[in-house]
């Protein structure tokens, strides 16, 4: 199974869950997607296809881990706002997801 950090390492984006090679926003599970934001990569790896209850529970636990990690920097920030911050880098996003083994 592909990890979210592997998807982001292969291609990262901001302001969309995923984008294709032309930079157009697309669904996170679209086969033409070439880059993902942190949340989009998590969704692509762990929610799609149609989730089971176990996958949903695991998915929520992953978000809890990300939220705890981000709270060390800013307790009010959501994952998409953190990913889309103008000073954010791909390496930072990959690093957080890798530390959490997501």
PDB file of N, CA and C in Angstrom:
ATOM      1  N   UNK A   1       0.844  -1.180   0.000  1.00  0.00           N
ATOM      2  CA  UNK A   1       0.000   0.000   0.000  1.00  0.00           C
ATOM      3  C   UNK A   1       0.890   1.243   0.000  1.00  0.00           C
ATOM      4  N   UNK A   2       0.544   2.177  -0.839  1.00  0.00           N
ATOM      5  CA  UNK A   2       1.271   3.440  -0.899  1.00  0.00           C
ATOM      6  C   UNK A   2       0.949   4.277   0.336  1.00  0.00           C
ATOM      7  N   UNK A   3       1.965   4.897   0.900  1.00  0.00           N
ATOM      8  CA  UNK A   3       1.793   5.805   2.041  1.00  0.00           C
ATOM      9  C   UNK A   3       1.553   7.221   1.514  1.00  0.00           C
ATOM     10  N   UNK A   4       0.868   8.021   2.316  1.00  0.00           N
ATOM     11  CA  UNK A   4       0.591   9.407   1.921  1.00  0.00           C
ATOM     12  C   UNK A   4       1.889  10.177   1.700  1.00  0.00           C
ATOM     13  N   UNK A   5       2.901   9.949   2.543  1.00  0.00           N
ATOM     14  CA  UNK A   5       4.159  10.681   2.366  1.00  0.00           C
ATOM     15  C   UNK A   5       4.829  10.332   1.045  1.00  0.00           C
ATOM     16  N   UNK A   6       4.612   9.102   0.552  1.00  0.00           N
ATOM     17  CA  UNK A   6       5.184   8.728  -0.743  1.00  0.00           C
ATOM     18  C   UNK A   6       4.504   9.490  -1.881  1.00  0.00           C
ATOM     19  N   UNK A   7       3.193   9.646  -1.773  1.00  0.00           N
ATOM     20  CA  UNK A   7       2.470  10.414  -2.802  1.00  0.00           C
ATOM     21  C   UNK A   7       2.953  11.865  -2.812  1.00  0.00           C
ATOM     22  N   UNK A   8       3.052  12.472  -1.620  1.00  0.00           N
ATOM     23  CA  UNK A   8       3.481  13.874  -1.537  1.00  0.00           C
ATOM     24  C   UNK A   8       4.929  14.020  -1.992  1.00  0.00           C
ATOM     25  N   UNK A   9       5.763  13.036  -1.688  1.00  0.00           N
ATOM     26  CA  UNK A   9       7.157  13.086  -2.142  1.00  0.00           C
ATOM     27  C   UNK A   9       7.234  13.031  -3.667  1.00  0.00           C
ATOM     28  N   UNK A  10       6.319  12.303  -4.285  1.00  0.00           N
ATOM     29  CA  UNK A  10       6.293  12.190  -5.746  1.00  0.00           C
ATOM     30  C   UNK A  10       5.766  13.462  -6.405  1.00  0.00           C
ATOM     31  N   UNK A  11       4.870  14.152  -5.701  1.00  0.00           N
ATOM     32  CA  UNK A  11       4.311  15.391  -6.239  1.00  0.00           C
ATOM     33  C   UNK A  11       3.447  16.062  -5.193  1.00  0.00           C
ATOM     34  N   UNK A  12       3.688  17.325  -4.941  1.00  0.00           N
ATOM     35  CA  UNK A  12       2.980  18.075  -3.903  1.00  0.00           C
ATOM     36  C   UNK A  12       2.290  19.286  -4.489  1.00  0.00           C
ATOM     37  N   UNK A  13       1.136  19.618  -3.925  1.00  0.00           N
ATOM     38  CA  UNK A  13       0.410  20.792  -4.380  1.00  0.00           C
ATOM     39  C   UNK A  13      -0.207  21.527  -3.198  1.00  0.00           C
ATOM     40  N   UNK A  14      -0.660  22.715  -3.476  1.00  0.00           N
ATOM     41  CA  UNK A  14      -1.402  23.519  -2.521  1.00  0.00           C
ATOM     42  C   UNK A  14      -2.703  23.965  -3.184  1.00  0.00           C
ATOM     43  N   UNK A  15      -3.694  24.300  -2.357  1.00  0.00           N
ATOM     44  CA  UNK A  15      -4.968  24.847  -2.796  1.00  0.00           C
ATOM     45  C   UNK A  15      -5.841  23.870  -3.578  1.00  0.00           C
ATOM     46  N   UNK A  16      -5.524  22.577  -3.511  1.00  0.00           N
ATOM     47  CA  UNK A  16      -6.358  21.545  -4.123  1.00  0.00           C
ATOM     48  C   UNK A  16      -5.964  20.211  -3.512  1.00  0.00           C
ATOM     49  N   UNK A  17      -6.913  19.283  -3.455  1.00  0.00           N
ATOM     50  CA  UNK A  17      -6.597  17.953  -2.933  1.00  0.00           C
ATOM     51  C   UNK A  17      -5.609  17.232  -3.820  1.00  0.00           C
ATOM     52  N   UNK A  18      -5.760  17.439  -5.126  1.00  0.00           N
ATOM     53  CA  UNK A  18      -4.851  16.837  -6.108  1.00  0.00           C
ATOM     54  C   UNK A  18      -4.922  17.652  -7.394  1.00  0.00           C
ATOM     55  N   UNK A  19      -3.883  17.531  -8.183  1.00  0.00           N
ATOM     56  CA  UNK A  19      -3.841  18.178  -9.496  1.00  0.00           C
ATOM     57  C   UNK A  19      -3.250  17.210 -10.498  1.00  0.00           C
ATOM     58  N   UNK A  20      -3.601  17.424 -11.775  1.00  0.00           N
ATOM     59  CA  UNK A  20      -3.031  16.602 -12.833  1.00  0.00           C
ATOM     60  C   UNK A  20      -1.760  17.259 -13.369  1.00  0.00           C
ATOM     61  N   UNK A  21      -1.178  16.653 -14.376  1.00  0.00           N
ATOM     62  CA  UNK A  21       0.094  17.148 -14.924  1.00  0.00           C
ATOM     63  C   UNK A  21      -0.012  18.558 -15.502  1.00  0.00           C
ATOM     64  N   UNK A  22      -1.223  18.980 -15.852  1.00  0.00           N
ATOM     65  CA  UNK A  22      -1.427  20.331 -16.388  1.00  0.00           C
ATOM     66  C   UNK A  22      -1.710  21.347 -15.295  1.00  0.00           C
ATOM     67  N   UNK A  23      -1.732  20.883 -14.039  1.00  0.00           N
ATOM     68  CA  UNK A  23      -1.987  21.782 -12.921  1.00  0.00           C
ATOM     69  C   UNK A  23      -3.457  22.031 -12.642  1.00  0.00           C
ATOM     70  N   UNK A  24      -4.317  21.229 -13.257  1.00  0.00           N
ATOM     71  CA  UNK A  24      -5.757  21.368 -13.024  1.00  0.00           C
ATOM     72  C   UNK A  24      -6.163  20.527 -11.818  1.00  0.00           C
ATOM     73  N   UNK A  25      -7.015  21.105 -10.957  1.00  0.00           N
ATOM     74  CA  UNK A  25      -7.513  20.377  -9.798  1.00  0.00           C
ATOM     75  C   UNK A  25      -8.295  19.153 -10.259  1.00  0.00           C
ATOM     76  N   UNK A  26      -8.120  18.055  -9.534  1.00  0.00           N
ATOM     77  CA  UNK A  26      -8.815  16.818  -9.854  1.00  0.00           C
ATOM     78  C   UNK A  26      -9.115  16.066  -8.571  1.00  0.00           C
ATOM     79  N   UNK A  27      -9.843  14.977  -8.677  1.00  0.00           N
ATOM     80  CA  UNK A  27     -10.134  14.150  -7.515  1.00  0.00           C
ATOM     81  C   UNK A  27      -8.858  13.456  -7.040  1.00  0.00           C
ATOM     82  N   UNK A  28      -8.769  13.206  -5.744  1.00  0.00           N
ATOM     83  CA  UNK A  28      -7.549  12.611  -5.190  1.00  0.00           C
ATOM     84  C   UNK A  28      -7.303  11.196  -5.694  1.00  0.00           C
ATOM     85  N   UNK A  29      -8.362  10.504  -6.126  1.00  0.00           N
ATOM     86  CA  UNK A  29      -8.190   9.140  -6.628  1.00  0.00           C
ATOM     87  C   UNK A  29      -8.232   9.074  -8.152  1.00  0.00           C
ATOM     88  N   UNK A  30      -8.202  10.232  -8.808  1.00  0.00           N
ATOM     89  CA  UNK A  30      -8.186  10.276 -10.272  1.00  0.00           C
ATOM     90  C   UNK A  30      -6.854   9.717 -10.764  1.00  0.00           C
ATOM     91  N   UNK A  31      -6.886   8.784 -11.706  1.00  0.00           N
ATOM     92  CA  UNK A  31      -5.628   8.213 -12.217  1.00  0.00           C
ATOM     93  C   UNK A  31      -4.712   9.244 -12.877  1.00  0.00           C
ATOM     94  N   UNK A  32      -5.267  10.408 -13.270  1.00  0.00           N
ATOM     95  CA  UNK A  32      -4.423  11.436 -13.888  1.00  0.00           C
ATOM     96  C   UNK A  32      -3.751  12.339 -12.851  1.00  0.00           C
ATOM     97  N   UNK A  33      -4.085  12.169 -11.572  1.00  0.00           N
ATOM     98  CA  UNK A  33      -3.470  12.997 -10.522  1.00  0.00           C
ATOM     99  C   UNK A  33      -1.972  12.730 -10.461  1.00  0.00           C
ATOM    100  N   UNK A  34      -1.217  13.819 -10.385  1.00  0.00           N
ATOM    101  CA  UNK A  34       0.244  13.695 -10.313  1.00  0.00           C
ATOM    102  C   UNK A  34       0.821  14.340  -9.055  1.00  0.00           C
ATOM    103  N   UNK A  35      -0.009  15.098  -8.331  1.00  0.00           N
ATOM    104  CA  UNK A  35       0.459  15.714  -7.092  1.00  0.00           C
ATOM    105  C   UNK A  35      -0.720  15.883  -6.141  1.00  0.00           C
ATOM    106  N   UNK A  36      -0.400  15.858  -4.837  1.00  0.00           N
ATOM    107  CA  UNK A  36      -1.425  15.876  -3.800  1.00  0.00           C
ATOM    108  C   UNK A  36      -1.013  16.802  -2.673  1.00  0.00           C
ATOM    109  N   UNK A  37      -2.009  17.372  -1.990  1.00  0.00           N
ATOM    110  CA  UNK A  37      -1.738  18.077  -0.741  1.00  0.00           C
ATOM    111  C   UNK A  37      -1.705  17.015   0.355  1.00  0.00           C
ATOM    112  N   UNK A  38      -1.368  17.396   1.579  1.00  0.00           N
ATOM    113  CA  UNK A  38      -1.288  16.429   2.675  1.00  0.00           C
ATOM    114  C   UNK A  38      -2.617  15.700   2.862  1.00  0.00           C
ATOM    115  N   UNK A  39      -3.696  16.462   2.960  1.00  0.00           N
ATOM    116  CA  UNK A  39      -5.008  15.856   3.183  1.00  0.00           C
ATOM    117  C   UNK A  39      -5.435  15.007   1.989  1.00  0.00           C
ATOM    118  N   UNK A  40      -5.180  15.485   0.786  1.00  0.00           N
ATOM    119  CA  UNK A  40      -5.531  14.732  -0.416  1.00  0.00           C
ATOM    120  C   UNK A  40      -4.798  13.410  -0.490  1.00  0.00           C
ATOM    121  N   UNK A  41      -3.533  13.414  -0.116  1.00  0.00           N
ATOM    122  CA  UNK A  41      -2.743  12.175  -0.134  1.00  0.00           C
ATOM    123  C   UNK A  41      -3.267  11.181   0.898  1.00  0.00           C
ATOM    124  N   UNK A  42      -3.613  11.679   2.080  1.00  0.00           N
ATOM    125  CA  UNK A  42      -4.180  10.794   3.109  1.00  0.00           C
ATOM    126  C   UNK A  42      -5.485  10.191   2.597  1.00  0.00           C
ATOM    127  N   UNK A  43      -6.334  11.029   2.023  1.00  0.00           N
ATOM    128  CA  UNK A  43      -7.606  10.528   1.499  1.00  0.00           C
ATOM    129  C   UNK A  43      -7.398   9.525   0.372  1.00  0.00           C
ATOM    130  N   UNK A  44      -6.457   9.806  -0.519  1.00  0.00           N
ATOM    131  CA  UNK A  44      -6.201   8.911  -1.643  1.00  0.00           C
ATOM    132  C   UNK A  44      -5.703   7.544  -1.175  1.00  0.00           C
ATOM    133  N   UNK A  45      -4.895   7.552  -0.136  1.00  0.00           N
ATOM    134  CA  UNK A  45      -4.295   6.301   0.323  1.00  0.00           C
ATOM    135  C   UNK A  45      -5.195   5.496   1.247  1.00  0.00           C
ATOM    136  N   UNK A  46      -6.002   6.169   2.031  1.00  0.00           N
ATOM    137  CA  UNK A  46      -6.668   5.455   3.108  1.00  0.00           C
ATOM    138  C   UNK A  46      -8.187   5.493   3.078  1.00  0.00           C
ATOM    139  N   UNK A  47      -8.788   6.289   2.236  1.00  0.00           N
ATOM    140  CA  UNK A  47     -10.247   6.328   2.172  1.00  0.00           C
ATOM    141  C   UNK A  47     -10.762   5.706   0.886  1.00  0.00           C
ATOM    142  N   UNK A  48     -10.089   5.895  -0.196  1.00  0.00           N
ATOM    143  CA  UNK A  48     -10.583   5.388  -1.473  1.00  0.00           C
ATOM    144  C   UNK A  48     -10.011   4.011  -1.757  1.00  0.00           C
ATOM    145  N   UNK A  49     -10.735   3.087  -2.335  1.00  0.00           N
ATOM    146  CA  UNK A  49     -12.121   3.211  -2.746  1.00  0.00           C
ATOM    147  C   UNK A  49     -13.067   3.243  -1.545  1.00  0.00           C
ATOM    148  N   UNK A  50     -14.349   3.018  -1.789  1.00  0.00           N
ATOM    149  CA  UNK A  50     -15.365   3.146  -0.745  1.00  0.00           C
ATOM    150  C   UNK A  50     -14.859   2.557   0.570  1.00  0.00           C
ATOM    151  N   UNK A  51     -14.899   3.362   1.639  1.00  0.00           N
ATOM    152  CA  UNK A  51     -14.299   2.939   2.903  1.00  0.00           C
ATOM    153  C   UNK A  51     -15.114   1.899   3.665  1.00  0.00           C
ATOM    154  N   UNK A  52     -14.393   1.085   4.409  1.00  0.00           N
ATOM    155  CA  UNK A  52     -15.024   0.200   5.383  1.00  0.00           C
ATOM    156  C   UNK A  52     -14.979   0.918   6.724  1.00  0.00           C
ATOM    157  N   UNK A  53     -15.692   0.422   7.695  1.00  0.00           N
ATOM    158  CA  UNK A  53     -15.666   1.048   9.022  1.00  0.00           C
ATOM    159  C   UNK A  53     -14.262   1.027   9.618  1.00  0.00           C
ATOM    160  N   UNK A  54     -13.529  -0.047   9.395  1.00  0.00           N
ATOM    161  CA  UNK A  54     -12.156  -0.133   9.920  1.00  0.00           C
ATOM    162  C   UNK A  54     -11.289   0.934   9.269  1.00  0.00           C
ATOM    163  N   UNK A  55     -11.433   1.099   7.951  1.00  0.00           N
ATOM    164  CA  UNK A  55     -10.652   2.130   7.264  1.00  0.00           C
ATOM    165  C   UNK A  55     -11.024   3.515   7.761  1.00  0.00           C
ATOM    166  N   UNK A  56     -12.314   3.745   8.016  1.00  0.00           N
ATOM    167  CA  UNK A  56     -12.734   5.045   8.538  1.00  0.00           C
ATOM    168  C   UNK A  56     -12.126   5.304   9.916  1.00  0.00           C
ATOM    169  N   UNK A  57     -12.142   4.308  10.787  1.00  0.00           N
ATOM    170  CA  UNK A  57     -11.565   4.457  12.122  1.00  0.00           C
ATOM    171  C   UNK A  57     -10.063   4.763  12.020  1.00  0.00           C
ATOM    172  N   UNK A  58      -9.359   3.991  11.194  1.00  0.00           N
ATOM    173  CA  UNK A  58      -7.926   4.220  11.015  1.00  0.00           C
ATOM    174  C   UNK A  58      -7.660   5.600  10.438  1.00  0.00           C
ATOM    175  N   UNK A  59      -8.507   6.019   9.512  1.00  0.00           N
ATOM    176  CA  UNK A  59      -8.381   7.327   8.867  1.00  0.00           C
ATOM    177  C   UNK A  59      -8.507   8.442   9.909  1.00  0.00           C
ATOM    178  N   UNK A  60      -9.504   8.324  10.777  1.00  0.00           N
ATOM    179  CA  UNK A  60      -9.690   9.333  11.822  1.00  0.00           C
ATOM    180  C   UNK A  60      -8.506   9.355  12.786  1.00  0.00           C
ATOM    181  N   UNK A  61      -7.941   8.194  13.088  1.00  0.00           N
ATOM    182  CA  UNK A  61      -6.759   8.133  13.961  1.00  0.00           C
ATOM    183  C   UNK A  61      -5.567   8.816  13.303  1.00  0.00           C
ATOM    184  N   UNK A  62      -5.441   8.677  11.991  1.00  0.00           N
ATOM    185  CA  UNK A  62      -4.352   9.345  11.278  1.00  0.00           C
ATOM    186  C   UNK A  62      -4.480  10.850  11.394  1.00  0.00           C
ATOM    187  N   UNK A  63      -5.710  11.346  11.200  1.00  0.00           N
ATOM    188  CA  UNK A  63      -5.926  12.788  11.322  1.00  0.00           C
ATOM    189  C   UNK A  63      -5.631  13.262  12.736  1.00  0.00           C
ATOM    190  N   UNK A  64      -5.973  12.445  13.718  1.00  0.00           N
ATOM    191  CA  UNK A  64      -5.689  12.808  15.102  1.00  0.00           C
ATOM    192  C   UNK A  64      -4.183  12.953  15.301  1.00  0.00           C
ATOM    193  N   UNK A  65      -3.405  12.035  14.719  1.00  0.00           N
ATOM    194  CA  UNK A  65      -1.950  12.113  14.812  1.00  0.00           C
ATOM    195  C   UNK A  65      -1.401  13.357  14.132  1.00  0.00           C
ATOM    196  N   UNK A  66      -1.933  13.684  12.968  1.00  0.00           N
ATOM    197  CA  UNK A  66      -1.502  14.886  12.251  1.00  0.00           C
ATOM    198  C   UNK A  66      -1.862  16.125  13.062  1.00  0.00           C
ATOM    199  N   UNK A  67      -3.088  16.156  13.586  1.00  0.00           N
ATOM    200  CA  UNK A  67      -3.516  17.307  14.388  1.00  0.00           C
ATOM    201  C   UNK A  67      -2.604  17.519  15.591  1.00  0.00           C
ATOM    202  N   UNK A  68      -2.222  16.442  16.260  1.00  0.00           N
ATOM    203  CA  UNK A  68      -1.325  16.552  17.421  1.00  0.00           C
ATOM    204  C   UNK A  68       0.034  17.089  17.003  1.00  0.00           C
ATOM    205  N   UNK A  69       0.528  16.594  15.892  1.00  0.00           N
ATOM    206  CA  UNK A  69       1.827  17.055  15.383  1.00  0.00           C
ATOM    207  C   UNK A  69       1.767  18.541  15.043  1.00  0.00           C
ATOM    208  N   UNK A  70       0.722  18.968  14.350  1.00  0.00           N
ATOM    209  CA  UNK A  70       0.605  20.366  13.947  1.00  0.00           C
ATOM    210  C   UNK A  70       0.361  21.273  15.149  1.00  0.00           C
ATOM    211  N   UNK A  71      -0.302  20.757  16.175  1.00  0.00           N
ATOM    212  CA  UNK A  71      -0.595  21.552  17.375  1.00  0.00           C
ATOM    213  C   UNK A  71       0.673  21.970  18.094  1.00  0.00           C
ATOM    214  N   UNK A  72       1.769  21.265  17.873  1.00  0.00           N
ATOM    215  CA  UNK A  72       3.038  21.675  18.493  1.00  0.00           C
ATOM    216  C   UNK A  72       3.519  22.989  17.907  1.00  0.00           C
ATOM    217  N   UNK A  73       3.043  23.324  16.709  1.00  0.00           N
ATOM    218  CA  UNK A  73       3.410  24.581  16.052  1.00  0.00           C
ATOM    219  C   UNK A  73       2.329  25.642  16.231  1.00  0.00           C
ATOM    220  N   UNK A  74       1.066  25.220  16.064  1.00  0.00           N
ATOM    221  CA  UNK A  74      -0.069  26.137  16.174  1.00  0.00           C
ATOM    222  C   UNK A  74      -1.317  25.311  16.486  1.00  0.00           C
ATOM    223  N   UNK A  75      -1.832  25.396  17.692  1.00  0.00           N
ATOM    224  CA  UNK A  75      -2.958  24.542  18.076  1.00  0.00           C
ATOM    225  C   UNK A  75      -4.262  24.831  17.333  1.00  0.00           C
ATOM    226  N   UNK A  76      -4.329  25.912  16.596  1.00  0.00           N
ATOM    227  CA  UNK A  76      -5.583  26.250  15.913  1.00  0.00           C
ATOM    228  C   UNK A  76      -5.566  25.910  14.427  1.00  0.00           C
ATOM    229  N   UNK A  77      -4.463  25.407  13.923  1.00  0.00           N
ATOM    230  CA  UNK A  77      -4.348  25.224  12.476  1.00  0.00           C
ATOM    231  C   UNK A  77      -4.878  23.859  12.037  1.00  0.00           C
ATOM    232  N   UNK A  78      -5.577  23.858  10.915  1.00  0.00           N
ATOM    233  CA  UNK A  78      -6.081  22.624  10.312  1.00  0.00           C
ATOM    234  C   UNK A  78      -5.077  22.149   9.268  1.00  0.00           C
ATOM    235  N   UNK A  79      -5.148  20.873   8.944  1.00  0.00           N
ATOM    236  CA  UNK A  79      -4.169  20.289   8.028  1.00  0.00           C
ATOM    237  C   UNK A  79      -4.140  21.004   6.679  1.00  0.00           C
ATOM    238  N   UNK A  80      -5.302  21.360   6.136  1.00  0.00           N
ATOM    239  CA  UNK A  80      -5.293  22.018   4.822  1.00  0.00           C
ATOM    240  C   UNK A  80      -4.713  23.426   4.899  1.00  0.00           C
ATOM    241  N   UNK A  81      -4.984  24.145   5.975  1.00  0.00           N
ATOM    242  CA  UNK A  81      -4.398  25.488   6.141  1.00  0.00           C
ATOM    243  C   UNK A  81      -2.890  25.397   6.316  1.00  0.00           C
ATOM    244  N   UNK A  82      -2.456  24.402   7.067  1.00  0.00           N
ATOM    245  CA  UNK A  82      -1.017  24.194   7.280  1.00  0.00           C
ATOM    246  C   UNK A  82      -0.333  23.874   5.953  1.00  0.00           C
ATOM    247  N   UNK A  83      -0.904  22.940   5.185  1.00  0.00           N
ATOM    248  CA  UNK A  83      -0.347  22.556   3.891  1.00  0.00           C
ATOM    249  C   UNK A  83      -0.278  23.753   2.945  1.00  0.00           C
ATOM    250  N   UNK A  84      -1.327  24.593   2.961  1.00  0.00           N
ATOM    251  CA  UNK A  84      -1.437  25.682   1.991  1.00  0.00           C
ATOM    252  C   UNK A  84      -0.747  26.977   2.416  1.00  0.00           C
ATOM    253  N   UNK A  85      -0.119  26.987   3.575  1.00  0.00           N
ATOM    254  CA  UNK A  85       0.563  28.205   4.022  1.00  0.00           C
ATOM    255  C   UNK A  85       1.638  28.582   2.995  1.00  0.00           C
ATOM    256  N   UNK A  86       1.744  29.858   2.658  1.00  0.00           N
ATOM    257  CA  UNK A  86       2.690  30.285   1.617  1.00  0.00           C
ATOM    258  C   UNK A  86       4.148  29.896   1.883  1.00  0.00           C
ATOM    259  N   UNK A  87       4.523  29.754   3.142  1.00  0.00           N
ATOM    260  CA  UNK A  87       5.920  29.407   3.426  1.00  0.00           C
ATOM    261  C   UNK A  87       6.143  27.898   3.541  1.00  0.00           C
ATOM    262  N   UNK A  88       5.074  27.097   3.414  1.00  0.00           N
ATOM    263  CA  UNK A  88       5.196  25.642   3.550  1.00  0.00           C
ATOM    264  C   UNK A  88       5.989  25.078   2.392  1.00  0.00           C
ATOM    265  N   UNK A  89       6.747  24.023   2.659  1.00  0.00           N
ATOM    266  CA  UNK A  89       7.507  23.353   1.600  1.00  0.00           C
ATOM    267  C   UNK A  89       7.088  21.895   1.499  1.00  0.00           C
ATOM    268  N   UNK A  90       7.367  21.336   0.357  1.00  0.00           N
ATOM    269  CA  UNK A  90       7.088  19.921   0.145  1.00  0.00           C
ATOM    270  C   UNK A  90       7.847  19.079   1.164  1.00  0.00           C
ATOM    271  N   UNK A  91       9.086  19.427   1.433  1.00  0.00           N
ATOM    272  CA  UNK A  91       9.896  18.661   2.385  1.00  0.00           C
ATOM    273  C   UNK A  91       9.278  18.655   3.782  1.00  0.00           C
ATOM    274  N   UNK A  92       8.704  19.772   4.193  1.00  0.00           N
ATOM    275  CA  UNK A  92       8.049  19.828   5.509  1.00  0.00           C
ATOM    276  C   UNK A  92       6.845  18.904   5.561  1.00  0.00           C
ATOM    277  N   UNK A  93       6.053  18.916   4.509  1.00  0.00           N
ATOM    278  CA  UNK A  93       4.852  18.083   4.472  1.00  0.00           C
ATOM    279  C   UNK A  93       5.245  16.608   4.461  1.00  0.00           C
ATOM    280  N   UNK A  94       6.187  16.256   3.627  1.00  0.00           N
ATOM    281  CA  UNK A  94       6.668  14.872   3.588  1.00  0.00           C
ATOM    282  C   UNK A  94       7.217  14.474   4.956  1.00  0.00           C
ATOM    283  N   UNK A  95       7.974  15.363   5.587  1.00  0.00           N
ATOM    284  CA  UNK A  95       8.573  15.063   6.879  1.00  0.00           C
ATOM    285  C   UNK A  95       7.550  14.742   7.952  1.00  0.00           C
ATOM    286  N   UNK A  96       6.499  15.536   8.042  1.00  0.00           N
ATOM    287  CA  UNK A  96       5.450  15.283   9.050  1.00  0.00           C
ATOM    288  C   UNK A  96       4.752  13.962   8.761  1.00  0.00           C
ATOM    289  N   UNK A  97       4.363  13.740   7.518  1.00  0.00           N
ATOM    290  CA  UNK A  97       3.668  12.511   7.189  1.00  0.00           C
ATOM    291  C   UNK A  97       4.570  11.291   7.397  1.00  0.00           C
ATOM    292  N   UNK A  98       5.844  11.431   7.079  1.00  0.00           N
ATOM    293  CA  UNK A  98       6.787  10.317   7.271  1.00  0.00           C
ATOM    294  C   UNK A  98       6.996  10.025   8.756  1.00  0.00           C
ATOM    295  N   UNK A  99       7.143  11.086   9.568  1.00  0.00           N
ATOM    296  CA  UNK A  99       7.305  10.875  11.017  1.00  0.00           C
ATOM    297  C   UNK A  99       6.123  10.120  11.608  1.00  0.00           C
ATOM    298  N   UNK A 100       4.941  10.399  11.071  1.00  0.00           N
ATOM    299  CA  UNK A 100       3.732   9.737  11.541  1.00  0.00           C
ATOM    300  C   UNK A 100       3.492   8.393  10.828  1.00  0.00           C
ATOM    301  N   UNK A 101       4.353   8.063   9.879  1.00  0.00           N
ATOM    302  CA  UNK A 101       4.258   6.838   9.085  1.00  0.00           C
ATOM    303  C   UNK A 101       2.896   6.695   8.415  1.00  0.00           C
ATOM    304  N   UNK A 102       2.443   7.804   7.850  1.00  0.00           N
ATOM    305  CA  UNK A 102       1.164   7.815   7.141  1.00  0.00           C
ATOM    306  C   UNK A 102       1.428   7.782   5.645  1.00  0.00           C
TER     307      UNK A 102
END
